C-alpha atoms as a PDB file:
ATOM      1  CA  MET A   1      13.590 -44.025  10.218  1.00  0.00           C
ATOM      2  CA  ALA A   2      11.352 -41.886  12.410  1.00  0.00           C
ATOM      3  CA  ARG A   3      13.299 -43.002  15.499  1.00  0.00           C
ATOM      4  CA  ARG A   4      16.594 -42.029  13.781  1.00  0.00           C
ATOM      5  CA  TRP A   5      15.283 -38.514  13.038  1.00  0.00           C
ATOM      6  CA  ALA A   6      14.014 -38.186  16.583  1.00  0.00           C
ATOM      7  CA  SER A   7      17.392 -39.260  17.955  1.00  0.00           C
ATOM      8  CA  LEU A   8      19.157 -36.808  15.648  1.00  0.00           C
ATOM      9  CA  LEU A   9      16.929 -33.924  16.762  1.00  0.00           C
ATOM     10  CA  VAL A  10      17.549 -34.750  20.409  1.00  0.00           C
ATOM     11  CA  ALA A  11      21.290 -34.840  19.749  1.00  0.00           C
ATOM     12  CA  VAL A  12      21.169 -31.458  18.001  1.00  0.00           C
ATOM     13  CA  GLY A  13      19.236 -30.041  20.928  1.00  0.00           C
ATOM     14  CA  LEU A  14      21.833 -31.344  23.396  1.00  0.00           C
ATOM     15  CA  VAL A  15      24.677 -29.865  21.357  1.00  0.00           C
ATOM     16  CA  ALA A  16      22.895 -26.495  21.161  1.00  0.00           C
ATOM     17  CA  ALA A  17      22.331 -26.516  24.899  1.00  0.00           C
ATOM     18  CA  THR A  18      25.959 -27.460  25.551  1.00  0.00           C
ATOM     19  CA  LEU A  19      27.254 -24.653  23.318  1.00  0.00           C
ATOM     20  CA  GLY A  20      24.800 -22.117  24.731  1.00  0.00           C
ATOM     21  CA  LEU A  21      23.018 -21.585  21.413  1.00  0.00           C
ATOM     22  CA  ALA A  22      19.561 -20.077  21.435  1.00  0.00           C
ATOM     23  CA  ALA A  23      16.786 -22.581  20.816  1.00  0.00           C
ATOM     24  CA  PRO A  24      14.167 -21.829  18.156  1.00  0.00           C
ATOM     25  CA  ALA A  25      11.026 -20.083  19.348  1.00  0.00           C
ATOM     26  CA  GLN A  26       8.488 -22.553  20.671  1.00  0.00           C
ATOM     27  CA  ALA A  27       5.299 -23.104  18.760  1.00  0.00           C
ATOM     28  CA  GLY A  28       2.674 -20.686  19.945  1.00  0.00           C
ATOM     29  CA  THR A  29       5.160 -18.004  20.971  1.00  0.00           C
ATOM     30  CA  ARG A  30       3.635 -14.726  19.884  1.00  0.00           C
ATOM     31  CA  GLN A  31       5.144 -11.313  19.362  1.00  0.00           C
ATOM     32  CA  LEU A  32       3.300  -8.034  19.315  1.00  0.00           C
ATOM     33  CA  LYS A  33       4.949  -5.598  16.921  1.00  0.00           C
ATOM     34  CA  VAL A  34       4.372  -1.942  17.775  1.00  0.00           C
ATOM     35  CA  ALA A  35       5.580   1.315  16.235  1.00  0.00           C
ATOM     36  CA  THR A  36       5.762   4.947  17.263  1.00  0.00           C
ATOM     37  CA  TYR A  37       5.981   7.724  14.679  1.00  0.00           C
ATOM     38  CA  ASN A  38       5.756  11.494  15.018  1.00  0.00           C
ATOM     39  CA  ILE A  39       4.553  12.267  11.487  1.00  0.00           C
ATOM     40  CA  TYR A  40       5.129  16.060  11.740  1.00  0.00           C
ATOM     41  CA  LEU A  41       2.297  18.559  11.589  1.00  0.00           C
ATOM     42  CA  GLY A  42       3.882  20.201   8.539  1.00  0.00           C
ATOM     43  CA  ALA A  43       5.230  23.511   9.873  1.00  0.00           C
ATOM     44  CA  ASP A  44       7.173  25.102  12.696  1.00  0.00           C
ATOM     45  CA  LEU A  45       4.577  26.917  14.837  1.00  0.00           C
ATOM     46  CA  ALA A  46       6.975  28.177  17.533  1.00  0.00           C
ATOM     47  CA  PRO A  47       7.527  31.575  15.810  1.00  0.00           C
ATOM     48  CA  LEU A  48       3.834  32.429  16.252  1.00  0.00           C
ATOM     49  CA  ALA A  49       4.230  33.046  19.973  1.00  0.00           C
ATOM     50  CA  LEU A  50       7.187  35.383  19.309  1.00  0.00           C
ATOM     51  CA  ALA A  51       5.230  37.809  17.132  1.00  0.00           C
ATOM     52  CA  GLN A  52       5.536  41.388  18.422  1.00  0.00           C
ATOM     53  CA  THR A  53       2.394  42.820  16.764  1.00  0.00           C
ATOM     54  CA  PRO A  54      -0.960  41.571  15.451  1.00  0.00           C
ATOM     55  CA  GLN A  55       0.250  42.188  11.893  1.00  0.00           C
ATOM     56  CA  GLU A  56       3.382  40.132  12.477  1.00  0.00           C
ATOM     57  CA  LEU A  57       1.277  37.305  13.897  1.00  0.00           C
ATOM     58  CA  VAL A  58      -0.826  37.217  10.708  1.00  0.00           C
ATOM     59  CA  GLU A  59       2.333  37.195   8.583  1.00  0.00           C
ATOM     60  CA  ARG A  60       3.871  34.361  10.603  1.00  0.00           C
ATOM     61  CA  ALA A  61       0.650  32.357  10.513  1.00  0.00           C
ATOM     62  CA  GLY A  62       0.579  32.753   6.723  1.00  0.00           C
ATOM     63  CA  VAL A  63       4.178  31.540   6.438  1.00  0.00           C
ATOM     64  CA  ALA A  64       3.330  28.532   8.621  1.00  0.00           C
ATOM     65  CA  TYR A  65       0.334  27.582   6.480  1.00  0.00           C
ATOM     66  CA  ASP A  66       2.386  27.930   3.298  1.00  0.00           C
ATOM     67  CA  GLN A  67       4.927  25.571   4.840  1.00  0.00           C
ATOM     68  CA  VAL A  68       2.188  23.020   5.502  1.00  0.00           C
ATOM     69  CA  VAL A  69       1.370  23.107   1.787  1.00  0.00           C
ATOM     70  CA  ALA A  70       5.048  22.845   0.806  1.00  0.00           C
ATOM     71  CA  THR A  71       5.757  19.884   3.089  1.00  0.00           C
ATOM     72  CA  ASP A  72       3.087  17.991   1.149  1.00  0.00           C
ATOM     73  CA  PHE A  73       1.630  15.487   3.574  1.00  0.00           C
ATOM     74  CA  PRO A  74      -0.132  13.420   0.863  1.00  0.00           C
ATOM     75  CA  SER A  75       3.290  12.649  -0.650  1.00  0.00           C
ATOM     76  CA  ARG A  76       4.796  12.000   2.775  1.00  0.00           C
ATOM     77  CA  ALA A  77       1.885   9.719   3.695  1.00  0.00           C
ATOM     78  CA  ARG A  78       2.656   7.555   0.664  1.00  0.00           C
ATOM     79  CA  ALA A  79       6.261   7.283   1.831  1.00  0.00           C
ATOM     80  CA  ILE A  80       5.146   6.420   5.369  1.00  0.00           C
ATOM     81  CA  SER A  81       2.756   3.763   4.042  1.00  0.00           C
ATOM     82  CA  ARG A  82       5.648   2.068   2.225  1.00  0.00           C
ATOM     83  CA  LEU A  83       7.684   2.019   5.440  1.00  0.00           C
ATOM     84  CA  VAL A  84       4.746   0.543   7.357  1.00  0.00           C
ATOM     85  CA  ARG A  85       4.190  -2.076   4.646  1.00  0.00           C
ATOM     86  CA  ASN A  86       7.775  -3.276   5.079  1.00  0.00           C
ATOM     87  CA  GLU A  87       7.368  -3.687   8.851  1.00  0.00           C
ATOM     88  CA  ARG A  88       3.635  -4.397   9.312  1.00  0.00           C
ATOM     89  CA  PRO A  89       3.316  -3.460  13.000  1.00  0.00           C
ATOM     90  CA  GLU A  90       0.043  -4.491  14.556  1.00  0.00           C
ATOM     91  CA  VAL A  91      -0.247  -1.292  16.592  1.00  0.00           C
ATOM     92  CA  ILE A  92       1.044   2.177  15.639  1.00  0.00           C
ATOM     93  CA  GLY A  93       1.195   5.157  17.971  1.00  0.00           C
ATOM     94  CA  LEU A  94       1.117   8.387  15.950  1.00  0.00           C
ATOM     95  CA  GLN A  95       1.825  11.929  17.072  1.00  0.00           C
ATOM     96  CA  GLU A  96       1.143  15.286  15.338  1.00  0.00           C
ATOM     97  CA  VAL A  97      -1.761  13.832  13.387  1.00  0.00           C
ATOM     98  CA  ALA A  98      -2.781  17.286  12.183  1.00  0.00           C
ATOM     99  CA  LEU A  99      -6.116  18.521  10.927  1.00  0.00           C
ATOM    100  CA  TRP A 100      -5.823  21.742   8.892  1.00  0.00           C
ATOM    101  CA  LYS A 101      -8.750  23.851   7.699  1.00  0.00           C
ATOM    102  CA  LYS A 102      -8.928  27.103   5.748  1.00  0.00           C
ATOM    103  CA  GLY A 103     -11.566  29.620   4.721  1.00  0.00           C
ATOM    104  CA  PRO A 104     -12.530  33.287   4.476  1.00  0.00           C
ATOM    105  CA  LEU A 105     -12.126  35.562   7.491  1.00  0.00           C
ATOM    106  CA  THR A 106     -15.844  35.589   8.250  1.00  0.00           C
ATOM    107  CA  GLY A 107     -17.040  32.415   6.521  1.00  0.00           C
ATOM    108  CA  PRO A 108     -16.923  28.685   7.177  1.00  0.00           C
ATOM    109  CA  LEU A 109     -13.685  26.732   7.188  1.00  0.00           C
ATOM    110  CA  HIS A 110     -13.203  23.637   5.060  1.00  0.00           C
ATOM    111  CA  THR A 111     -10.748  20.794   5.586  1.00  0.00           C
ATOM    112  CA  THR A 112      -7.607  21.049   3.492  1.00  0.00           C
ATOM    113  CA  TYR A 113      -5.426  18.373   5.133  1.00  0.00           C
ATOM    114  CA  ASP A 114      -6.759  15.671   7.458  1.00  0.00           C
ATOM    115  CA  PHE A 115      -3.570  13.741   8.187  1.00  0.00           C
ATOM    116  CA  LEU A 116      -5.429  10.800   9.734  1.00  0.00           C
ATOM    117  CA  ASP A 117      -7.748  10.326   6.779  1.00  0.00           C
ATOM    118  CA  ILE A 118      -4.922  10.815   4.267  1.00  0.00           C
ATOM    119  CA  LEU A 119      -2.636   8.284   5.963  1.00  0.00           C
ATOM    120  CA  LEU A 120      -5.339   5.640   6.385  1.00  0.00           C
ATOM    121  CA  ARG A 121      -6.183   6.009   2.696  1.00  0.00           C
ATOM    122  CA  GLU A 122      -2.539   5.611   1.658  1.00  0.00           C
ATOM    123  CA  LEU A 123      -2.186   2.563   3.891  1.00  0.00           C
ATOM    124  CA  ARG A 124      -5.171   0.983   2.152  1.00  0.00           C
ATOM    125  CA  ARG A 125      -3.621   1.730  -1.235  1.00  0.00           C
ATOM    126  CA  ALA A 126      -0.497  -0.074  -0.019  1.00  0.00           C
ATOM    127  CA  GLY A 127      -2.622  -3.135   0.758  1.00  0.00           C
ATOM    128  CA  LEU A 128      -2.728  -2.487   4.510  1.00  0.00           C
ATOM    129  CA  HIS A 129      -5.856  -2.138   6.606  1.00  0.00           C
ATOM    130  CA  TYR A 130      -5.688  -0.181   9.836  1.00  0.00           C
ATOM    131  CA  ARG A 131      -8.302   1.641  11.858  1.00  0.00           C
ATOM    132  CA  ALA A 132      -7.998   4.463  14.367  1.00  0.00           C
ATOM    133  CA  ALA A 133      -8.894   2.765  17.640  1.00  0.00           C
ATOM    134  CA  ALA A 134      -8.251   5.810  19.845  1.00  0.00           C
ATOM    135  CA  VAL A 135      -7.621   9.484  19.078  1.00  0.00           C
ATOM    136  CA  ASP A 136      -6.959  12.334  21.482  1.00  0.00           C
ATOM    137  CA  ASP A 137      -7.773  15.824  20.235  1.00  0.00           C
ATOM    138  CA  THR A 138      -5.589  18.291  22.109  1.00  0.00           C
ATOM    139  CA  GLY A 139      -7.265  21.456  20.863  1.00  0.00           C
ATOM    140  CA  THR A 140      -7.719  23.797  17.908  1.00  0.00           C
ATOM    141  CA  THR A 141      -6.133  27.173  17.163  1.00  0.00           C
ATOM    142  CA  THR A 142      -7.617  29.491  14.533  1.00  0.00           C
ATOM    143  CA  LEU A 143      -5.753  32.533  13.176  1.00  0.00           C
ATOM    144  CA  PRO A 144      -5.898  34.887  10.190  1.00  0.00           C
ATOM    145  CA  ILE A 145      -3.253  33.971   7.613  1.00  0.00           C
ATOM    146  CA  SER A 146      -3.800  36.962   5.313  1.00  0.00           C
ATOM    147  CA  ALA A 147      -6.059  39.978   4.892  1.00  0.00           C
ATOM    148  CA  THR A 148      -8.821  37.743   3.535  1.00  0.00           C
ATOM    149  CA  GLU A 149      -8.317  34.213   4.920  1.00  0.00           C
ATOM    150  CA  ARG A 150      -7.928  32.325   8.170  1.00  0.00           C
ATOM    151  CA  ALA A 151      -6.833  28.803   8.989  1.00  0.00           C
ATOM    152  CA  SER A 152      -7.251  26.407  11.885  1.00  0.00           C
ATOM    153  CA  PHE A 153      -4.943  23.712  13.236  1.00  0.00           C
ATOM    154  CA  THR A 154      -6.061  20.781  15.381  1.00  0.00           C
ATOM    155  CA  ASN A 155      -3.410  18.575  16.973  1.00  0.00           C
ATOM    156  CA  ARG A 156      -4.084  14.899  17.653  1.00  0.00           C
ATOM    157  CA  ASP A 157      -2.406  11.672  18.738  1.00  0.00           C
ATOM    158  CA  ALA A 158      -3.772   8.367  17.490  1.00  0.00           C
ATOM    159  CA  VAL A 159      -3.486   4.638  18.034  1.00  0.00           C
ATOM    160  CA  LEU A 160      -3.871   2.656  14.803  1.00  0.00           C
ATOM    161  CA  VAL A 161      -4.497  -1.087  14.939  1.00  0.00           C
ATOM    162  CA  GLN A 162      -4.636  -3.650  12.173  1.00  0.00           C
ATOM    163  CA  ASP A 163      -8.135  -4.644  11.133  1.00  0.00           C
ATOM    164  CA  GLY A 164      -9.133  -7.878  12.828  1.00  0.00           C
ATOM    165  CA  LEU A 165      -6.957  -7.280  15.898  1.00  0.00           C
ATOM    166  CA  PRO A 166      -9.287  -7.351  18.930  1.00  0.00           C
ATOM    167  CA  VAL A 167      -9.006  -4.274  21.150  1.00  0.00           C
ATOM    168  CA  THR A 168     -10.972  -3.103  24.170  1.00  0.00           C
ATOM    169  CA  ASN A 169     -11.049  -0.136  26.516  1.00  0.00           C
ATOM    170  CA  ALA A 170     -10.058   2.537  23.999  1.00  0.00           C
ATOM    171  CA  GLN A 171      -9.430   5.733  25.957  1.00  0.00           C
ATOM    172  CA  SER A 172      -8.105   9.250  25.409  1.00  0.00           C
ATOM    173  CA  HIS A 173      -7.199  11.907  27.966  1.00  0.00           C
ATOM    174  CA  LEU A 174      -5.715  15.394  28.251  1.00  0.00           C
ATOM    175  CA  TYR A 175      -3.000  16.240  30.746  1.00  0.00           C
ATOM    176  CA  ALA A 176      -3.716  18.702  33.536  1.00  0.00           C
ATOM    177  CA  ALA A 177      -0.326  20.332  32.878  1.00  0.00           C
ATOM    178  CA  LYS A 178      -0.560  22.755  29.924  1.00  0.00           C
ATOM    179  CA  LEU A 179       1.665  25.366  28.330  1.00  0.00           C
ATOM    180  CA  VAL A 180       0.244  28.907  28.364  1.00  0.00           C
ATOM    181  CA  VAL A 181       2.099  31.608  26.398  1.00  0.00           C
ATOM    182  CA  THR A 182       1.013  35.245  25.936  1.00  0.00           C
ATOM    183  CA  THR A 183       2.399  37.404  23.142  1.00  0.00           C
ATOM    184  CA  PRO A 184       3.665  40.949  23.873  1.00  0.00           C
ATOM    185  CA  PHE A 185       0.386  42.377  22.528  1.00  0.00           C
ATOM    186  CA  GLY A 186      -1.864  40.167  24.653  1.00  0.00           C
ATOM    187  CA  VAL A 187      -2.836  37.125  22.576  1.00  0.00           C
ATOM    188  CA  THR A 188      -2.706  33.955  24.678  1.00  0.00           C
ATOM    189  CA  PHE A 189      -1.949  30.491  23.292  1.00  0.00           C
ATOM    190  CA  THR A 190      -2.791  27.468  25.434  1.00  0.00           C
ATOM    191  CA  THR A 191      -1.132  24.246  24.295  1.00  0.00           C
ATOM    192  CA  ALA A 192      -2.648  21.081  25.674  1.00  0.00           C
ATOM    193  CA  ARG A 193      -1.177  17.587  25.331  1.00  0.00           C
ATOM    194  CA  GLY A 194      -2.748  14.191  25.788  1.00  0.00           C
ATOM    195  CA  TRP A 195      -2.484  10.438  25.521  1.00  0.00           C
ATOM    196  CA  SER A 196      -4.493   7.553  24.096  1.00  0.00           C
ATOM    197  CA  ALA A 197      -4.470   3.837  24.835  1.00  0.00           C
ATOM    198  CA  VAL A 198      -6.085   0.534  23.916  1.00  0.00           C
ATOM    199  CA  ASP A 199      -5.949  -2.973  25.371  1.00  0.00           C
ATOM    200  CA  VAL A 200      -4.757  -5.310  22.620  1.00  0.00           C
ATOM    201  CA  ALA A 201      -5.362  -9.052  22.443  1.00  0.00           C
ATOM    202  CA  VAL A 202      -2.228 -11.095  21.735  1.00  0.00           C
ATOM    203  CA  LYS A 203      -2.923 -14.183  19.635  1.00  0.00           C
ATOM    204  CA  GLY A 204      -2.378 -17.412  21.531  1.00  0.00           C
ATOM    205  CA  LYS A 205      -2.114 -15.668  24.893  1.00  0.00           C
ATOM    206  CA  PRO A 206      -4.754 -15.377  27.625  1.00  0.00           C
ATOM    207  CA  THR A 207      -3.911 -11.770  28.512  1.00  0.00           C
ATOM    208  CA  ARG A 208      -3.836  -8.420  26.756  1.00  0.00           C
ATOM    209  CA  VAL A 209      -1.298  -5.620  26.485  1.00  0.00           C
ATOM    210  CA  ARG A 210      -2.184  -1.994  27.129  1.00  0.00           C
ATOM    211  CA  VAL A 211      -0.545   0.106  24.419  1.00  0.00           C
ATOM    212  CA  ALA A 212      -0.467   3.872  24.990  1.00  0.00           C
ATOM    213  CA  THR A 213       0.846   6.730  22.880  1.00  0.00           C
ATOM    214  CA  THR A 214       1.663  10.325  23.779  1.00  0.00           C
ATOM    215  CA  HIS A 215       3.515  13.476  22.746  1.00  0.00           C
ATOM    216  CA  LEU A 216       4.900  15.430  25.700  1.00  0.00           C
ATOM    217  CA  GLN A 217       5.493  19.179  25.735  1.00  0.00           C
ATOM    218  CA  PRO A 218       8.834  20.248  24.243  1.00  0.00           C
ATOM    219  CA  GLY A 219      10.918  23.151  25.455  1.00  0.00           C
ATOM    220  CA  VAL A 220       9.498  23.505  28.980  1.00  0.00           C
ATOM    221  CA  PRO A 221      10.914  20.734  31.201  1.00  0.00           C
ATOM    222  CA  ALA A 222       8.626  21.428  34.173  1.00  0.00           C
ATOM    223  CA  ILE A 223       5.467  20.935  32.095  1.00  0.00           C
ATOM    224  CA  ARG A 224       6.916  17.974  30.188  1.00  0.00           C
ATOM    225  CA  ASN A 225       7.956  16.288  33.436  1.00  0.00           C
ATOM    226  CA  ALA A 226       4.526  16.817  34.988  1.00  0.00           C
ATOM    227  CA  GLN A 227       2.866  15.290  31.934  1.00  0.00           C
ATOM    228  CA  GLY A 228       5.223  12.304  32.067  1.00  0.00           C
ATOM    229  CA  GLN A 229       4.356  11.743  35.709  1.00  0.00           C
ATOM    230  CA  GLU A 230       0.634  11.973  34.918  1.00  0.00           C
ATOM    231  CA  LEU A 231       1.007   9.329  32.219  1.00  0.00           C
ATOM    232  CA  TYR A 232       3.090   7.052  34.438  1.00  0.00           C
ATOM    233  CA  ALA A 233       0.510   7.263  37.241  1.00  0.00           C
ATOM    234  CA  ALA A 234      -2.394   6.588  34.863  1.00  0.00           C
ATOM    235  CA  LEU A 235      -0.726   3.539  33.302  1.00  0.00           C
ATOM    236  CA  ALA A 236       0.098   2.164  36.750  1.00  0.00           C
ATOM    237  CA  GLN A 237      -3.633   1.388  37.071  1.00  0.00           C
ATOM    238  CA  SER A 238      -3.519  -1.062  34.143  1.00  0.00           C
ATOM    239  CA  PRO A 239      -4.409  -4.680  34.938  1.00  0.00           C
ATOM    240  CA  TYR A 240      -2.351  -5.714  31.893  1.00  0.00           C
ATOM    241  CA  PRO A 241       1.295  -5.384  30.851  1.00  0.00           C
ATOM    242  CA  VAL A 242       1.971  -1.912  29.424  1.00  0.00           C
ATOM    243  CA  ALA A 243       3.891  -0.577  26.433  1.00  0.00           C
ATOM    244  CA  ALA A 244       4.165   3.230  26.345  1.00  0.00           C
ATOM    245  CA  LEU A 245       5.039   4.638  22.909  1.00  0.00           C
ATOM    246  CA  GLY A 246       5.653   8.147  21.758  1.00  0.00           C
ATOM    247  CA  ASP A 247       7.590  11.348  21.444  1.00  0.00           C
ATOM    248  CA  PHE A 248       8.572  11.959  25.065  1.00  0.00           C
ATOM    249  CA  ASN A 249      10.833  14.928  24.251  1.00  0.00           C
ATOM    250  CA  THR A 250      13.388  13.658  26.750  1.00  0.00           C
ATOM    251  CA  LEU A 251      16.958  12.443  26.317  1.00  0.00           C
ATOM    252  CA  PRO A 252      18.225   9.247  27.976  1.00  0.00           C
ATOM    253  CA  VAL A 253      20.559  11.313  30.181  1.00  0.00           C
ATOM    254  CA  GLU A 254      17.645  13.241  31.720  1.00  0.00           C
ATOM    255  CA  THR A 255      17.162  11.093  34.777  1.00  0.00           C
ATOM    256  CA  THR A 256      14.726  13.566  36.347  1.00  0.00           C
ATOM    257  CA  GLY A 257      12.651  13.813  33.155  1.00  0.00           C
ATOM    258  CA  PRO A 258      10.158  11.357  31.655  1.00  0.00           C
ATOM    259  CA  TYR A 259      12.984   8.989  30.673  1.00  0.00           C
ATOM    260  CA  GLY A 260      13.925   8.634  34.315  1.00  0.00           C
ATOM    261  CA  THR A 261      10.295   8.475  35.424  1.00  0.00           C
ATOM    262  CA  PHE A 262       9.712   5.385  33.294  1.00  0.00           C
ATOM    263  CA  THR A 263      13.088   3.622  33.432  1.00  0.00           C
ATOM    264  CA  ASN A 264      13.426   4.111  37.184  1.00  0.00           C
ATOM    265  CA  GLY A 265       9.812   3.088  37.629  1.00  0.00           C
ATOM    266  CA  GLY A 266       9.817  -0.439  36.271  1.00  0.00           C
ATOM    267  CA  TYR A 267      10.032   0.070  32.502  1.00  0.00           C
ATOM    268  CA  ASP A 268      12.816  -0.734  30.062  1.00  0.00           C
ATOM    269  CA  ASP A 269      13.785   1.242  26.956  1.00  0.00           C
ATOM    270  CA  ALA A 270      13.361  -1.108  23.980  1.00  0.00           C
ATOM    271  CA  TRP A 271      16.090   0.446  21.835  1.00  0.00           C
ATOM    272  CA  ARG A 272      18.620   0.288  24.674  1.00  0.00           C
ATOM    273  CA  THR A 273      17.653  -3.306  25.466  1.00  0.00           C
ATOM    274  CA  VAL A 274      18.218  -4.453  21.880  1.00  0.00           C
ATOM    275  CA  HIS A 275      21.087  -2.205  20.755  1.00  0.00           C
ATOM    276  CA  GLY A 276      22.660  -0.697  23.848  1.00  0.00           C
ATOM    277  CA  PRO A 277      22.984   3.048  24.526  1.00  0.00           C
ATOM    278  CA  VAL A 278      24.331   4.090  21.119  1.00  0.00           C
ATOM    279  CA  GLY A 279      22.409   5.214  18.031  1.00  0.00           C
ATOM    280  CA  GLY A 280      18.653   5.188  17.658  1.00  0.00           C
ATOM    281  CA  PHE A 281      18.447   8.882  16.768  1.00  0.00           C
ATOM    282  CA  THR A 282      14.905   9.969  15.938  1.00  0.00           C
ATOM    283  CA  ALA A 283      15.011  13.799  15.859  1.00  0.00           C
ATOM    284  CA  VAL A 284      15.042  16.197  14.069  1.00  0.00           C
ATOM    285  CA  GLN A 285      15.137  17.188  10.412  1.00  0.00           C
ATOM    286  CA  ASP A 286      14.694  20.781   9.197  1.00  0.00           C
ATOM    287  CA  PRO A 287      11.136  22.195   9.211  1.00  0.00           C
ATOM    288  CA  ASP A 288      11.077  22.185   5.399  1.00  0.00           C
ATOM    289  CA  LEU A 289      12.164  18.495   5.369  1.00  0.00           C
ATOM    290  CA  ARG A 290      14.670  19.101   2.562  1.00  0.00           C
ATOM    291  CA  ASN A 291      17.963  18.976   4.443  1.00  0.00           C
ATOM    292  CA  LEU A 292      20.782  16.720   3.290  1.00  0.00           C
ATOM    293  CA  PRO A 293      22.467  14.998   4.922  1.00  0.00           C
ATOM    294  CA  SER A 294      20.113  13.822   7.647  1.00  0.00           C
ATOM    295  CA  LYS A 295      20.139  15.854  10.854  1.00  0.00           C
ATOM    296  CA  LEU A 296      18.779  13.118  13.127  1.00  0.00           C
ATOM    297  CA  SER A 297      21.014  13.460  16.178  1.00  0.00           C
ATOM    298  CA  ALA A 298      18.832  13.036  19.278  1.00  0.00           C
ATOM    299  CA  ARG A 299      16.878  10.126  20.710  1.00  0.00           C
ATOM    300  CA  ILE A 300      13.563  11.367  22.094  1.00  0.00           C
ATOM    301  CA  ASP A 301      11.042   8.809  20.712  1.00  0.00           C
ATOM    302  CA  TYR A 302      10.704   5.605  22.715  1.00  0.00           C
ATOM    303  CA  VAL A 303       8.952   2.335  23.313  1.00  0.00           C
ATOM    304  CA  PHE A 304       8.958   1.771  27.061  1.00  0.00           C
ATOM    305  CA  TYR A 305       7.783  -1.649  28.250  1.00  0.00           C
ATOM    306  CA  GLN A 306       7.479  -3.543  31.539  1.00  0.00           C
ATOM    307  CA  PRO A 307      10.173  -6.250  31.567  1.00  0.00           C
ATOM    308  CA  THR A 308       8.408  -8.278  34.248  1.00  0.00           C
ATOM    309  CA  HIS A 309       5.784  -9.123  31.619  1.00  0.00           C
ATOM    310  CA  LEU A 310       7.319  -8.298  28.237  1.00  0.00           C
ATOM    311  CA  SER A 311      10.650  -8.618  26.471  1.00  0.00           C
ATOM    312  CA  ALA A 312      11.935  -6.558  23.545  1.00  0.00           C
ATOM    313  CA  VAL A 313      13.242  -8.841  20.811  1.00  0.00           C
ATOM    314  CA  SER A 314      13.777  -6.327  17.986  1.00  0.00           C
ATOM    315  CA  ALA A 315      14.009  -2.573  17.452  1.00  0.00           C
ATOM    316  CA  ARG A 316      14.619  -0.704  14.211  1.00  0.00           C
ATOM    317  CA  LEU A 317      14.253   2.802  12.853  1.00  0.00           C
ATOM    318  CA  ILE A 318      12.178   3.716   9.800  1.00  0.00           C
ATOM    319  CA  GLY A 319      12.170   6.905   7.752  1.00  0.00           C
ATOM    320  CA  ASP A 320      15.796   7.705   8.585  1.00  0.00           C
ATOM    321  CA  LYS A 321      17.457   6.820   5.282  1.00  0.00           C
ATOM    322  CA  VAL A 322      17.815   8.946   2.148  1.00  0.00           C
ATOM    323  CA  ARG A 323      16.029   6.268   0.129  1.00  0.00           C
ATOM    324  CA  ASP A 324      12.962   6.727   2.392  1.00  0.00           C
ATOM    325  CA  ARG A 325      12.357  10.272   1.114  1.00  0.00           C
ATOM    326  CA  THR A 326       9.544  11.230  -1.228  1.00  0.00           C
ATOM    327  CA  PRO A 327      10.181  11.564  -4.985  1.00  0.00           C
ATOM    328  CA  ASN A 328      10.224  15.362  -4.540  1.00  0.00           C
ATOM    329  CA  GLY A 329      12.965  15.158  -1.913  1.00  0.00           C
ATOM    330  CA  LEU A 330      11.063  15.404   1.387  1.00  0.00           C
ATOM    331  CA  TRP A 331      11.833  13.333   4.453  1.00  0.00           C
ATOM    332  CA  PRO A 332       8.702  11.392   5.492  1.00  0.00           C
ATOM    333  CA  SER A 333       8.738  13.392   8.737  1.00  0.00           C
ATOM    334  CA  ASP A 334      11.080  15.510  10.802  1.00  0.00           C
ATOM    335  CA  HIS A 335      11.344  12.433  13.055  1.00  0.00           C
ATOM    336  CA  ALA A 336      12.273   8.843  12.390  1.00  0.00           C
ATOM    337  CA  GLY A 337       9.847   6.150  13.453  1.00  0.00           C
ATOM    338  CA  LEU A 338      10.678   3.276  15.786  1.00  0.00           C
ATOM    339  CA  VAL A 339       9.350  -0.284  15.323  1.00  0.00           C
ATOM    340  CA  VAL A 340       9.711  -2.765  18.195  1.00  0.00           C
ATOM    341  CA  GLY A 341       8.887  -6.446  18.535  1.00  0.00           C
ATOM    342  CA  LEU A 342       7.606  -7.355  22.006  1.00  0.00           C
ATOM    343  CA  ARG A 343       7.076 -10.850  23.382  1.00  0.00           C
ATOM    344  CA  LEU A 344       4.962 -11.783  26.364  1.00  0.00           C
ATOM    345  CA  ARG A 345       6.987 -13.569  29.002  1.00  0.00           C
END
């Protein structure tokens, strides 16, 4: 009987090979599932730099902080945790992991919204256990938001990994290229950007994968391009296969931007590999997150990987459907997330 089953399995294998059908994955084949998600800092800060007077700057800062409250990150974090629970990526690259504080004009500030702490807590409530393996802090801005109060905003990127997943060489860096903007009345804003990375063990494999996340400067192509080149050069030093995740603020048609830097430099675009050049839109919803229908119409968030070592076997968006919104009608973020399954060759 055993010989008959063996013969039958051999015959099925020959037929599959003859017809060109894909064989089942071999035992021991291991995927690494990664995700990138810009979780939205909660407000549009661009109008701050356009203020014409100190009074207007205070008014605009107050509007921005009120928008942070209205976009309700605790509710959005619960929605994001449900999306993560459905996909269960082992590594998540996050952008705009905001830290907001508020207090009196001359007194101490206290934390009002720590997006990293809030999201990790909601993930635990969803039965998921992640830790922040690497976090880059790209700087803090503090401004008055009224005649009696001030608030501070700290921007961060983070790499989350599932508990129990071995990682080494956690690192975080700031780019040399920075945006410097001065208002008409002499207040200067310096916007730094950065990247973080970890080396992740892949079960059943003798090597590791370096997974990096970043958020490149929007709106100023020269600075964005310089940051992309810095990241590419830094990751070229990796002794392991590399997956670069994040909000690169570049369209696929921008061959001289970060998209071209990576895809012309030995990386593949996971979405394009799996689905071709159509779809995959990740940006952007309205700043108040209440728009209907969805306004996702640009693809600027990517998982780039080195095809000499890795292959992309799946790619799907999360947070892009109406059913993904919070009970009070907010999109989980102004971006959609991207989840990709990678396999070591």
